[in-house]
Amino acid sequence: METIDSHIQKEHINSGDIATFVEIYKQYVPELLKYASKFVGVSHAEDFVQDVFIYLWAHRKRLQINGSLRGYLYESIQNRCLNYLDQLKLKASYEAKVILEQQTSDISADSTESQLIRDETSERLQREIENLPEKRRQIVKMLYYDYKKPKTIA
């Protein structure tokens, strides 16, 4: 239930009464800071309380506050804090997704690069074996391709 003081305060704010606004600011800031700090850190709480009062003053002429001014202020603070926490959660989720995609891409790139190196090394080794004299080439092929033991080759 809205008090008469709250109703009068809203009327004075709507009419641009800076003294009433300052009075309301001094009255509610400490408790709003404490409330906001339950959701977010002190520095963010201070920012959000400032934002709510700036918004209240900037939109005073067309702002429709149904219910008490105190309720409006608490609800505004809560909404700002929850929106901020949602943004943090979304950001963390996005960053985790990007990191996962990066790691997957790095692994894929590493395996592709490793395969290319193995292929190049194999081709080079094959060319070198082909350049060996006939007898040595046969011995290398029997040892490494046919897996024969040195005693069997001798």
Protein backbone atom coordinates (compact mmCIF):
# COMPACT_ATOMS: atom_id res chain seq x y z
CA MET A 1 0.00 0.00 0.00
CA GLU A 2 1.33 3.40 -0.99
CA THR A 3 1.85 5.96 1.72
CA ILE A 4 0.79 9.59 1.37
CA ASP A 5 4.46 10.65 1.58
CA SER A 6 5.33 8.33 -1.29
CA HIS A 7 2.50 9.75 -3.41
CA ILE A 8 3.59 13.33 -2.64
CA GLN A 9 7.22 12.47 -3.38
CA LYS A 10 6.23 11.08 -6.80
CA GLU A 11 4.26 14.25 -7.57
CA HIS A 12 7.19 16.45 -6.56
CA ILE A 13 9.60 14.42 -8.69
CA ASN A 14 7.21 14.61 -11.67
CA SER A 15 7.10 18.38 -11.31
CA GLY A 16 10.91 18.61 -11.25
CA ASP A 17 11.44 19.40 -7.57
CA ILE A 18 15.19 18.80 -7.18
CA ALA A 19 15.10 19.16 -3.38
CA THR A 20 12.63 16.27 -3.06
CA PHE A 21 14.68 14.22 -5.48
CA VAL A 22 17.86 14.79 -3.39
CA GLU A 23 15.92 13.87 -0.25
CA ILE A 24 14.70 10.63 -1.85
CA TYR A 25 18.20 9.89 -3.09
CA LYS A 26 19.69 10.29 0.40
CA GLN A 27 16.88 8.28 1.94
CA TYR A 28 17.07 5.23 -0.34
CA VAL A 29 20.67 4.97 -1.56
CA PRO A 30 22.10 3.13 1.49
CA GLU A 31 19.42 0.42 1.52
CA LEU A 32 19.42 0.07 -2.27
CA LEU A 33 23.21 -0.36 -2.26
CA LYS A 34 22.92 -3.07 0.36
CA TYR A 35 20.18 -4.78 -1.63
CA ALA A 36 22.03 -4.60 -4.96
CA SER A 37 25.25 -5.86 -3.34
CA LYS A 38 23.46 -9.14 -2.61
CA PHE A 39 23.30 -9.73 -6.37
CA VAL A 40 26.48 -8.12 -7.67
CA GLY A 41 29.69 -6.61 -6.31
CA VAL A 42 29.77 -3.23 -4.58
CA SER A 43 31.13 -1.34 -7.59
CA HIS A 44 28.37 -2.66 -9.85
CA ALA A 45 25.79 -2.04 -7.13
CA GLU A 46 26.86 1.60 -6.96
CA ASP A 47 26.61 1.91 -10.74
CA PHE A 48 23.16 0.35 -10.87
CA VAL A 49 21.80 2.53 -8.05
CA GLN A 50 23.16 5.62 -9.83
CA ASP A 51 21.61 4.43 -13.10
CA VAL A 52 18.19 3.97 -11.49
CA PHE A 53 18.21 7.49 -10.03
CA ILE A 54 19.47 9.00 -13.28
CA TYR A 55 16.70 7.19 -15.15
CA LEU A 56 14.15 8.31 -12.56
CA TRP A 57 15.14 11.96 -12.95
CA ALA A 58 15.53 11.87 -16.74
CA HIS A 59 12.10 10.27 -17.26
CA ARG A 60 10.28 11.93 -14.35
CA LYS A 61 7.66 13.67 -16.50
CA ARG A 62 6.41 10.60 -18.32
CA LEU A 63 7.25 7.91 -15.77
CA GLN A 64 4.21 6.08 -14.40
CA ILE A 65 4.99 4.48 -11.04
CA ASN A 66 2.16 2.22 -9.95
CA GLY A 67 2.51 1.49 -6.27
CA SER A 68 5.11 2.82 -3.89
CA LEU A 69 8.23 4.69 -4.90
CA ARG A 70 10.27 2.40 -2.66
CA GLY A 71 8.86 -0.68 -4.44
CA TYR A 72 9.62 0.86 -7.81
CA LEU A 73 13.24 1.56 -6.79
CA TYR A 74 13.78 -1.94 -5.41
CA GLU A 75 12.25 -3.55 -8.50
CA SER A 76 14.37 -1.38 -10.79
CA ILE A 77 17.55 -2.34 -8.93
CA GLN A 78 16.63 -6.00 -8.99
CA ASN A 79 15.91 -5.92 -12.72
CA ARG A 80 19.22 -4.20 -13.51
CA CYS A 81 21.16 -6.69 -11.40
CA LEU A 82 19.41 -9.70 -12.92
CA ASN A 83 19.89 -8.36 -16.45
CA TYR A 84 23.58 -7.87 -15.72
CA LEU A 85 23.90 -11.42 -14.35
CA ASP A 86 22.10 -12.78 -17.43
CA GLN A 87 24.54 -10.89 -19.65
CA LEU A 88 27.46 -12.36 -17.71
CA LYS A 89 26.04 -15.85 -18.05
CA LEU A 90 25.48 -15.36 -21.78
CA LYS A 91 28.99 -13.95 -22.21
CA ALA A 92 30.53 -16.86 -20.28
CA SER A 93 28.56 -19.34 -22.37
CA TYR A 94 29.67 -17.66 -25.60
CA GLU A 95 33.32 -17.53 -24.47
CA ALA A 96 33.23 -21.22 -23.53
CA LYS A 97 31.79 -22.05 -26.95
CA VAL A 98 34.48 -20.00 -28.72
CA ILE A 99 37.25 -21.64 -26.68
CA LEU A 100 35.86 -25.11 -27.40
CA GLU A 101 35.64 -24.35 -31.13
CA GLN A 102 39.18 -22.96 -31.07
CA GLN A 103 40.53 -26.05 -29.32
CA THR A 104 38.71 -28.34 -31.73
CA SER A 105 40.05 -26.33 -34.65
CA ASP A 106 43.58 -26.41 -33.23
CA ILE A 107 43.42 -30.18 -32.73
CA SER A 108 42.11 -30.64 -36.24
CA ALA A 109 44.79 -28.35 -37.66
CA ASP A 110 47.49 -30.15 -35.66
CA SER A 111 46.39 -33.57 -36.88
CA THR A 112 46.15 -32.34 -40.48
CA GLU A 113 49.57 -30.72 -40.22
CA SER A 114 51.05 -33.84 -38.64
CA GLN A 115 49.59 -35.98 -41.41
CA LEU A 116 51.09 -33.70 -44.07
CA ILE A 117 54.50 -33.90 -42.42
CA ARG A 118 54.27 -37.70 -42.22
CA ASP A 119 53.26 -37.89 -45.87
CA GLU A 120 56.12 -35.62 -46.98
CA THR A 121 58.62 -37.55 -44.87
CA SER A 122 57.40 -40.85 -46.26
CA GLU A 123 57.68 -39.62 -49.85
CA ARG A 124 61.17 -38.28 -49.23
CA LEU A 125 62.26 -41.53 -47.59
CA GLN A 126 60.82 -43.48 -50.52
CA ARG A 127 62.84 -41.35 -53.00
CA GLU A 128 66.03 -41.85 -50.98
CA ILE A 129 65.49 -45.60 -50.86
CA GLU A 130 65.00 -45.65 -54.64
CA ASN A 131 68.32 -43.79 -55.06
CA LEU A 132 70.23 -46.50 -53.15
CA PRO A 133 72.27 -49.07 -55.04
CA GLU A 134 70.23 -52.18 -55.98
CA LYS A 135 71.57 -54.52 -53.25
CA ARG A 136 71.18 -51.95 -50.45
CA ARG A 137 67.70 -51.04 -51.69
CA GLN A 138 66.66 -54.71 -51.51
CA ILE A 139 68.08 -55.06 -47.98
CA VAL A 140 66.28 -51.91 -46.73
CA LYS A 141 63.00 -53.07 -48.28
CA MET A 142 63.31 -56.53 -46.73
CA LEU A 143 64.14 -55.04 -43.31
CA TYR A 144 61.57 -52.26 -43.16
CA TYR A 145 58.80 -53.27 -45.55
CA ASP A 146 58.85 -57.05 -45.35
CA TYR A 147 59.93 -57.05 -41.68
CA LYS A 148 62.55 -59.73 -42.20
CA LYS A 149 65.28 -60.32 -39.62
CA PRO A 150 68.91 -59.52 -40.46
CA LYS A 151 69.85 -63.22 -40.11
CA THR A 152 67.21 -64.19 -42.69
CA ILE A 153 68.45 -61.49 -45.11
CA ALA A 154 72.10 -62.55 -44.68
